[in-house]
Amino acid sequence: MSFEKFQKLTLTDRLSEFARNARDEAKTLEPGPERQALLEKARKAEAASEIEAWANSSGVQKPKPRPVFPRA
């Protein structure tokens, strides 16, 4: 992936692309630890992508500051 393309893609897009590539590569491998490791990486990248998308959605709001009252 070129640097220019990397800059234009969001983190969510890059994570999704990584997961897709890992799954495609895992399909070419025989069952075993290497394949399982790739599938685990793909699952983690997909979860991170979903969290990133949720965190950047318009529905997420910053916590409102609580009023500070002087101690009596």
PDB file of N, CA and C in Angstrom:
ATOM      1  N   MET A   1       0.860  -1.170   0.000  1.00  0.00           N
ATOM      2  CA  MET A   1       0.000   0.000   0.000  1.00  0.00           C
ATOM      3  C   MET A   1       0.906   1.232   0.000  1.00  0.00           C
ATOM      4  N   SER A   2       0.656   2.145  -0.906  1.00  0.00           N
ATOM      5  CA  SER A   2       1.472   3.350  -0.978  1.00  0.00           C
ATOM      6  C   SER A   2       1.114   4.293   0.160  1.00  0.00           C
ATOM      7  N   PHE A   3       2.045   5.200   0.481  1.00  0.00           N
ATOM      8  CA  PHE A   3       1.828   6.151   1.569  1.00  0.00           C
ATOM      9  C   PHE A   3       0.645   7.056   1.274  1.00  0.00           C
ATOM     10  N   GLU A   4       0.484   7.480   0.024  1.00  0.00           N
ATOM     11  CA  GLU A   4      -0.630   8.356  -0.338  1.00  0.00           C
ATOM     12  C   GLU A   4      -1.969   7.652  -0.120  1.00  0.00           C
ATOM     13  N   LYS A   5      -2.050   6.387  -0.521  1.00  0.00           N
ATOM     14  CA  LYS A   5      -3.281   5.630  -0.319  1.00  0.00           C
ATOM     15  C   LYS A   5      -3.524   5.418   1.173  1.00  0.00           C
ATOM     16  N   PHE A   6      -2.450   5.158   1.918  1.00  0.00           N
ATOM     17  CA  PHE A   6      -2.552   4.959   3.353  1.00  0.00           C
ATOM     18  C   PHE A   6      -3.128   6.202   4.023  1.00  0.00           C
ATOM     19  N   GLN A   7      -2.707   7.376   3.592  1.00  0.00           N
ATOM     20  CA  GLN A   7      -3.176   8.622   4.184  1.00  0.00           C
ATOM     21  C   GLN A   7      -4.648   8.868   3.901  1.00  0.00           C
ATOM     22  N   LYS A   8      -5.153   8.392   2.781  1.00  0.00           N
ATOM     23  CA  LYS A   8      -6.540   8.658   2.392  1.00  0.00           C
ATOM     24  C   LYS A   8      -7.524   7.699   3.053  1.00  0.00           C
ATOM     25  N   LEU A   9      -7.052   6.541   3.504  1.00  0.00           N
ATOM     26  CA  LEU A   9      -7.937   5.564   4.127  1.00  0.00           C
ATOM     27  C   LEU A   9      -8.076   5.845   5.616  1.00  0.00           C
ATOM     28  N   THR A  10      -9.261   5.641   6.140  1.00  0.00           N
ATOM     29  CA  THR A  10      -9.475   5.793   7.574  1.00  0.00           C
ATOM     30  C   THR A  10      -8.916   4.573   8.291  1.00  0.00           C
ATOM     31  N   LEU A  11      -8.762   4.694   9.590  1.00  0.00           N
ATOM     32  CA  LEU A  11      -8.292   3.557  10.369  1.00  0.00           C
ATOM     33  C   LEU A  11      -9.256   2.392  10.228  1.00  0.00           C
ATOM     34  N   THR A  12     -10.537   2.681  10.247  1.00  0.00           N
ATOM     35  CA  THR A  12     -11.550   1.639  10.088  1.00  0.00           C
ATOM     36  C   THR A  12     -11.363   0.908   8.764  1.00  0.00           C
ATOM     37  N   ASP A  13     -11.117   1.659   7.686  1.00  0.00           N
ATOM     38  CA  ASP A  13     -10.895   1.045   6.369  1.00  0.00           C
ATOM     39  C   ASP A  13      -9.634   0.190   6.361  1.00  0.00           C
ATOM     40  N   ARG A  14      -8.555   0.691   6.971  1.00  0.00           N
ATOM     41  CA  ARG A  14      -7.295  -0.056   6.990  1.00  0.00           C
ATOM     42  C   ARG A  14      -7.439  -1.338   7.799  1.00  0.00           C
ATOM     43  N   LEU A  15      -8.139  -1.260   8.926  1.00  0.00           N
ATOM     44  CA  LEU A  15      -8.348  -2.466   9.733  1.00  0.00           C
ATOM     45  C   LEU A  15      -9.201  -3.489   8.991  1.00  0.00           C
ATOM     46  N   SER A  16     -10.227  -3.027   8.319  1.00  0.00           N
ATOM     47  CA  SER A  16     -11.081  -3.935   7.547  1.00  0.00           C
ATOM     48  C   SER A  16     -10.299  -4.591   6.409  1.00  0.00           C
ATOM     49  N   GLU A  17      -9.470  -3.817   5.752  1.00  0.00           N
ATOM     50  CA  GLU A  17      -8.653  -4.359   4.658  1.00  0.00           C
ATOM     51  C   GLU A  17      -7.661  -5.392   5.190  1.00  0.00           C
ATOM     52  N   PHE A  18      -7.055  -5.100   6.339  1.00  0.00           N
ATOM     53  CA  PHE A  18      -6.121  -6.049   6.950  1.00  0.00           C
ATOM     54  C   PHE A  18      -6.834  -7.357   7.277  1.00  0.00           C
ATOM     55  N   ALA A  19      -8.021  -7.246   7.877  1.00  0.00           N
ATOM     56  CA  ALA A  19      -8.785  -8.446   8.244  1.00  0.00           C
ATOM     57  C   ALA A  19      -9.141  -9.260   7.005  1.00  0.00           C
ATOM     58  N   ARG A  20      -9.570  -8.591   5.953  1.00  0.00           N
ATOM     59  CA  ARG A  20      -9.933  -9.281   4.713  1.00  0.00           C
ATOM     60  C   ARG A  20      -8.711 -10.007   4.137  1.00  0.00           C
ATOM     61  N   ASN A  21      -7.559  -9.331   4.111  1.00  0.00           N
ATOM     62  CA  ASN A  21      -6.335  -9.950   3.581  1.00  0.00           C
ATOM     63  C   ASN A  21      -5.894 -11.135   4.436  1.00  0.00           C
ATOM     64  N   ALA A  22      -6.012 -11.008   5.760  1.00  0.00           N
ATOM     65  CA  ALA A  22      -5.623 -12.101   6.651  1.00  0.00           C
ATOM     66  C   ALA A  22      -6.522 -13.310   6.428  1.00  0.00           C
ATOM     67  N   ARG A  23      -7.828 -13.073   6.283  1.00  0.00           N
ATOM     68  CA  ARG A  23      -8.758 -14.188   6.039  1.00  0.00           C
ATOM     69  C   ARG A  23      -8.466 -14.865   4.689  1.00  0.00           C
ATOM     70  N   ASP A  24      -8.180 -14.047   3.669  1.00  0.00           N
ATOM     71  CA  ASP A  24      -7.853 -14.614   2.355  1.00  0.00           C
ATOM     72  C   ASP A  24      -6.593 -15.467   2.422  1.00  0.00           C
ATOM     73  N   GLU A  25      -5.591 -14.983   3.150  1.00  0.00           N
ATOM     74  CA  GLU A  25      -4.356 -15.754   3.276  1.00  0.00           C
ATOM     75  C   GLU A  25      -4.583 -17.026   4.085  1.00  0.00           C
ATOM     76  N   ALA A  26      -5.412 -16.927   5.121  1.00  0.00           N
ATOM     77  CA  ALA A  26      -5.702 -18.101   5.952  1.00  0.00           C
ATOM     78  C   ALA A  26      -6.398 -19.199   5.141  1.00  0.00           C
ATOM     79  N   LYS A  27      -7.207 -18.805   4.163  1.00  0.00           N
ATOM     80  CA  LYS A  27      -7.897 -19.793   3.319  1.00  0.00           C
ATOM     81  C   LYS A  27      -6.918 -20.652   2.531  1.00  0.00           C
ATOM     82  N   THR A  28      -5.742 -20.111   2.250  1.00  0.00           N
ATOM     83  CA  THR A  28      -4.754 -20.838   1.453  1.00  0.00           C
ATOM     84  C   THR A  28      -3.913 -21.793   2.296  1.00  0.00           C
ATOM     85  N   LEU A  29      -4.012 -21.678   3.630  1.00  0.00           N
ATOM     86  CA  LEU A  29      -3.183 -22.499   4.512  1.00  0.00           C
ATOM     87  C   LEU A  29      -3.937 -23.732   4.980  1.00  0.00           C
ATOM     88  N   GLU A  30      -3.163 -24.751   5.293  1.00  0.00           N
ATOM     89  CA  GLU A  30      -3.719 -25.955   5.904  1.00  0.00           C
ATOM     90  C   GLU A  30      -4.069 -25.634   7.356  1.00  0.00           C
ATOM     91  N   PRO A  31      -5.028 -26.363   7.939  1.00  0.00           N
ATOM     92  CA  PRO A  31      -5.326 -26.146   9.352  1.00  0.00           C
ATOM     93  C   PRO A  31      -4.070 -26.312  10.206  1.00  0.00           C
ATOM     94  N   GLY A  32      -3.903 -25.396  11.145  1.00  0.00           N
ATOM     95  CA  GLY A  32      -2.734 -25.446  12.014  1.00  0.00           C
ATOM     96  C   GLY A  32      -2.568 -24.131  12.748  1.00  0.00           C
ATOM     97  N   PRO A  33      -1.483 -24.020  13.502  1.00  0.00           N
ATOM     98  CA  PRO A  33      -1.291 -22.831  14.332  1.00  0.00           C
ATOM     99  C   PRO A  33      -1.117 -21.530  13.529  1.00  0.00           C
ATOM    100  N   GLU A  34      -0.467 -21.606  12.382  1.00  0.00           N
ATOM    101  CA  GLU A  34      -0.277 -20.399  11.573  1.00  0.00           C
ATOM    102  C   GLU A  34      -1.623 -19.880  11.056  1.00  0.00           C
ATOM    103  N   ARG A  35      -2.459 -20.804  10.595  1.00  0.00           N
ATOM    104  CA  ARG A  35      -3.790 -20.416  10.108  1.00  0.00           C
ATOM    105  C   ARG A  35      -4.631 -19.839  11.247  1.00  0.00           C
ATOM    106  N   GLN A  36      -4.591 -20.498  12.411  1.00  0.00           N
ATOM    107  CA  GLN A  36      -5.350 -20.016  13.557  1.00  0.00           C
ATOM    108  C   GLN A  36      -4.883 -18.621  13.973  1.00  0.00           C
ATOM    109  N   ALA A  37      -3.581 -18.381  13.925  1.00  0.00           N
ATOM    110  CA  ALA A  37      -3.038 -17.067  14.295  1.00  0.00           C
ATOM    111  C   ALA A  37      -3.549 -15.985  13.339  1.00  0.00           C
ATOM    112  N   LEU A  38      -3.591 -16.298  12.048  1.00  0.00           N
ATOM    113  CA  LEU A  38      -4.106 -15.329  11.071  1.00  0.00           C
ATOM    114  C   LEU A  38      -5.592 -15.052  11.291  1.00  0.00           C
ATOM    115  N   LEU A  39      -6.353 -16.083  11.565  1.00  0.00           N
ATOM    116  CA  LEU A  39      -7.782 -15.895  11.813  1.00  0.00           C
ATOM    117  C   LEU A  39      -8.020 -15.085  13.087  1.00  0.00           C
ATOM    118  N   GLU A  40      -7.193 -15.303  14.101  1.00  0.00           N
ATOM    119  CA  GLU A  40      -7.310 -14.531  15.339  1.00  0.00           C
ATOM    120  C   GLU A  40      -6.973 -13.050  15.090  1.00  0.00           C
ATOM    121  N   LYS A  41      -5.940 -12.811  14.299  1.00  0.00           N
ATOM    122  CA  LYS A  41      -5.595 -11.427  13.948  1.00  0.00           C
ATOM    123  C   LYS A  41      -6.733 -10.763  13.183  1.00  0.00           C
ATOM    124  N   ALA A  42      -7.361 -11.514  12.288  1.00  0.00           N
ATOM    125  CA  ALA A  42      -8.480 -10.970  11.518  1.00  0.00           C
ATOM    126  C   ALA A  42      -9.643 -10.624  12.441  1.00  0.00           C
ATOM    127  N   ARG A  43      -9.945 -11.503  13.396  1.00  0.00           N
ATOM    128  CA  ARG A  43     -11.033 -11.228  14.351  1.00  0.00           C
ATOM    129  C   ARG A  43     -10.733  -9.986  15.185  1.00  0.00           C
ATOM    130  N   LYS A  44      -9.499  -9.853  15.630  1.00  0.00           N
ATOM    131  CA  LYS A  44      -9.118  -8.694  16.439  1.00  0.00           C
ATOM    132  C   LYS A  44      -9.181  -7.408  15.612  1.00  0.00           C
ATOM    133  N   ALA A  45      -8.755  -7.476  14.363  1.00  0.00           N
ATOM    134  CA  ALA A  45      -8.810  -6.293  13.495  1.00  0.00           C
ATOM    135  C   ALA A  45     -10.254  -5.890  13.232  1.00  0.00           C
ATOM    136  N   GLU A  46     -11.136  -6.865  13.037  1.00  0.00           N
ATOM    137  CA  GLU A  46     -12.552  -6.561  12.827  1.00  0.00           C
ATOM    138  C   GLU A  46     -13.173  -5.928  14.071  1.00  0.00           C
ATOM    139  N   ALA A  47     -12.814  -6.454  15.244  1.00  0.00           N
ATOM    140  CA  ALA A  47     -13.335  -5.883  16.492  1.00  0.00           C
ATOM    141  C   ALA A  47     -12.826  -4.455  16.671  1.00  0.00           C
ATOM    142  N   ALA A  48     -11.556  -4.235  16.397  1.00  0.00           N
ATOM    143  CA  ALA A  48     -10.987  -2.891  16.513  1.00  0.00           C
ATOM    144  C   ALA A  48     -11.637  -1.936  15.519  1.00  0.00           C
ATOM    145  N   SER A  49     -11.936  -2.423  14.330  1.00  0.00           N
ATOM    146  CA  SER A  49     -12.601  -1.615  13.313  1.00  0.00           C
ATOM    147  C   SER A  49     -13.986  -1.190  13.782  1.00  0.00           C
ATOM    148  N   GLU A  50     -14.722  -2.134  14.385  1.00  0.00           N
ATOM    149  CA  GLU A  50     -16.063  -1.813  14.883  1.00  0.00           C
ATOM    150  C   GLU A  50     -16.002  -0.815  16.039  1.00  0.00           C
ATOM    151  N   ILE A  51     -15.034  -0.981  16.930  1.00  0.00           N
ATOM    152  CA  ILE A  51     -14.886  -0.047  18.049  1.00  0.00           C
ATOM    153  C   ILE A  51     -14.509   1.335  17.539  1.00  0.00           C
ATOM    154  N   GLU A  52     -13.601   1.390  16.598  1.00  0.00           N
ATOM    155  CA  GLU A  52     -13.184   2.673  16.011  1.00  0.00           C
ATOM    156  C   GLU A  52     -14.362   3.366  15.337  1.00  0.00           C
ATOM    157  N   ALA A  53     -15.151   2.625  14.589  1.00  0.00           N
ATOM    158  CA  ALA A  53     -16.318   3.210  13.916  1.00  0.00           C
ATOM    159  C   ALA A  53     -17.320   3.723  14.948  1.00  0.00           C
ATOM    160  N   TRP A  54     -17.537   2.946  16.008  1.00  0.00           N
ATOM    161  CA  TRP A  54     -18.462   3.367  17.054  1.00  0.00           C
ATOM    162  C   TRP A  54     -17.955   4.627  17.760  1.00  0.00           C
ATOM    163  N   ALA A  55     -16.661   4.644  18.081  1.00  0.00           N
ATOM    164  CA  ALA A  55     -16.092   5.779  18.805  1.00  0.00           C
ATOM    165  C   ALA A  55     -16.146   7.060  17.985  1.00  0.00           C
ATOM    166  N   ASN A  56     -16.083   6.935  16.682  1.00  0.00           N
ATOM    167  CA  ASN A  56     -16.100   8.123  15.821  1.00  0.00           C
ATOM    168  C   ASN A  56     -17.484   8.440  15.270  1.00  0.00           C
ATOM    169  N   SER A  57     -18.496   7.696  15.696  1.00  0.00           N
ATOM    170  CA  SER A  57     -19.835   7.963  15.182  1.00  0.00           C
ATOM    171  C   SER A  57     -20.389   9.228  15.818  1.00  0.00           C
ATOM    172  N   SER A  58     -21.375   9.806  15.177  1.00  0.00           N
ATOM    173  CA  SER A  58     -21.950  11.057  15.669  1.00  0.00           C
ATOM    174  C   SER A  58     -22.786  10.842  16.917  1.00  0.00           C
ATOM    175  N   GLY A  59     -23.140   9.606  17.219  1.00  0.00           N
ATOM    176  CA  GLY A  59     -23.950   9.321  18.392  1.00  0.00           C
ATOM    177  C   GLY A  59     -23.166   9.369  19.698  1.00  0.00           C
ATOM    178  N   VAL A  60     -21.844   9.281  19.600  1.00  0.00           N
ATOM    179  CA  VAL A  60     -21.017   9.298  20.793  1.00  0.00           C
ATOM    180  C   VAL A  60     -20.759  10.749  21.186  1.00  0.00           C
ATOM    181  N   GLN A  61     -21.027  11.054  22.420  1.00  0.00           N
ATOM    182  CA  GLN A  61     -20.819  12.412  22.900  1.00  0.00           C
ATOM    183  C   GLN A  61     -19.828  12.400  24.053  1.00  0.00           C
ATOM    184  N   LYS A  62     -19.127  13.514  24.194  1.00  0.00           N
ATOM    185  CA  LYS A  62     -18.203  13.655  25.306  1.00  0.00           C
ATOM    186  C   LYS A  62     -19.008  13.777  26.588  1.00  0.00           C
ATOM    187  N   PRO A  63     -18.459  13.292  27.679  1.00  0.00           N
ATOM    188  CA  PRO A  63     -19.164  13.442  28.944  1.00  0.00           C
ATOM    189  C   PRO A  63     -19.311  14.920  29.306  1.00  0.00           C
ATOM    190  N   LYS A  64     -20.438  15.264  29.880  1.00  0.00           N
ATOM    191  CA  LYS A  64     -20.657  16.643  30.295  1.00  0.00           C
ATOM    192  C   LYS A  64     -19.922  16.873  31.611  1.00  0.00           C
ATOM    193  N   PRO A  65     -19.260  18.011  31.731  1.00  0.00           N
ATOM    194  CA  PRO A  65     -18.551  18.272  32.987  1.00  0.00           C
ATOM    195  C   PRO A  65     -19.544  18.430  34.136  1.00  0.00           C
ATOM    196  N   ARG A  66     -19.193  17.868  35.256  1.00  0.00           N
ATOM    197  CA  ARG A  66     -20.041  17.989  36.430  1.00  0.00           C
ATOM    198  C   ARG A  66     -19.692  19.284  37.144  1.00  0.00           C
ATOM    199  N   PRO A  67     -20.698  19.951  37.686  1.00  0.00           N
ATOM    200  CA  PRO A  67     -20.425  21.186  38.408  1.00  0.00           C
ATOM    201  C   PRO A  67     -19.610  20.896  39.671  1.00  0.00           C
ATOM    202  N   VAL A  68     -18.704  21.782  39.961  1.00  0.00           N
ATOM    203  CA  VAL A  68     -17.866  21.633  41.146  1.00  0.00           C
ATOM    204  C   VAL A  68     -18.408  22.579  42.213  1.00  0.00           C
ATOM    205  N   PHE A  69     -18.765  22.014  43.358  1.00  0.00           N
ATOM    206  CA  PHE A  69     -19.297  22.829  44.451  1.00  0.00           C
ATOM    207  C   PHE A  69     -18.222  22.972  45.508  1.00  0.00           C
ATOM    208  N   PRO A  70     -18.065  24.170  46.054  1.00  0.00           N
ATOM    209  CA  PRO A  70     -17.064  24.350  47.116  1.00  0.00           C
ATOM    210  C   PRO A  70     -17.477  23.568  48.359  1.00  0.00           C
ATOM    211  N   ARG A  71     -16.481  23.043  49.042  1.00  0.00           N
ATOM    212  CA  ARG A  71     -16.755  22.299  50.264  1.00  0.00           C
ATOM    213  C   ARG A  71     -17.126  23.257  51.381  1.00  0.00           C
ATOM    214  N   ALA A  72     -18.049  22.844  52.200  1.00  0.00           N
ATOM    215  CA  ALA A  72     -18.487  23.715  53.289  1.00  0.00           C
ATOM    216  C   ALA A  72     -17.608  23.594  54.490  1.00  0.00           C
TER     217      ALA A  72
END
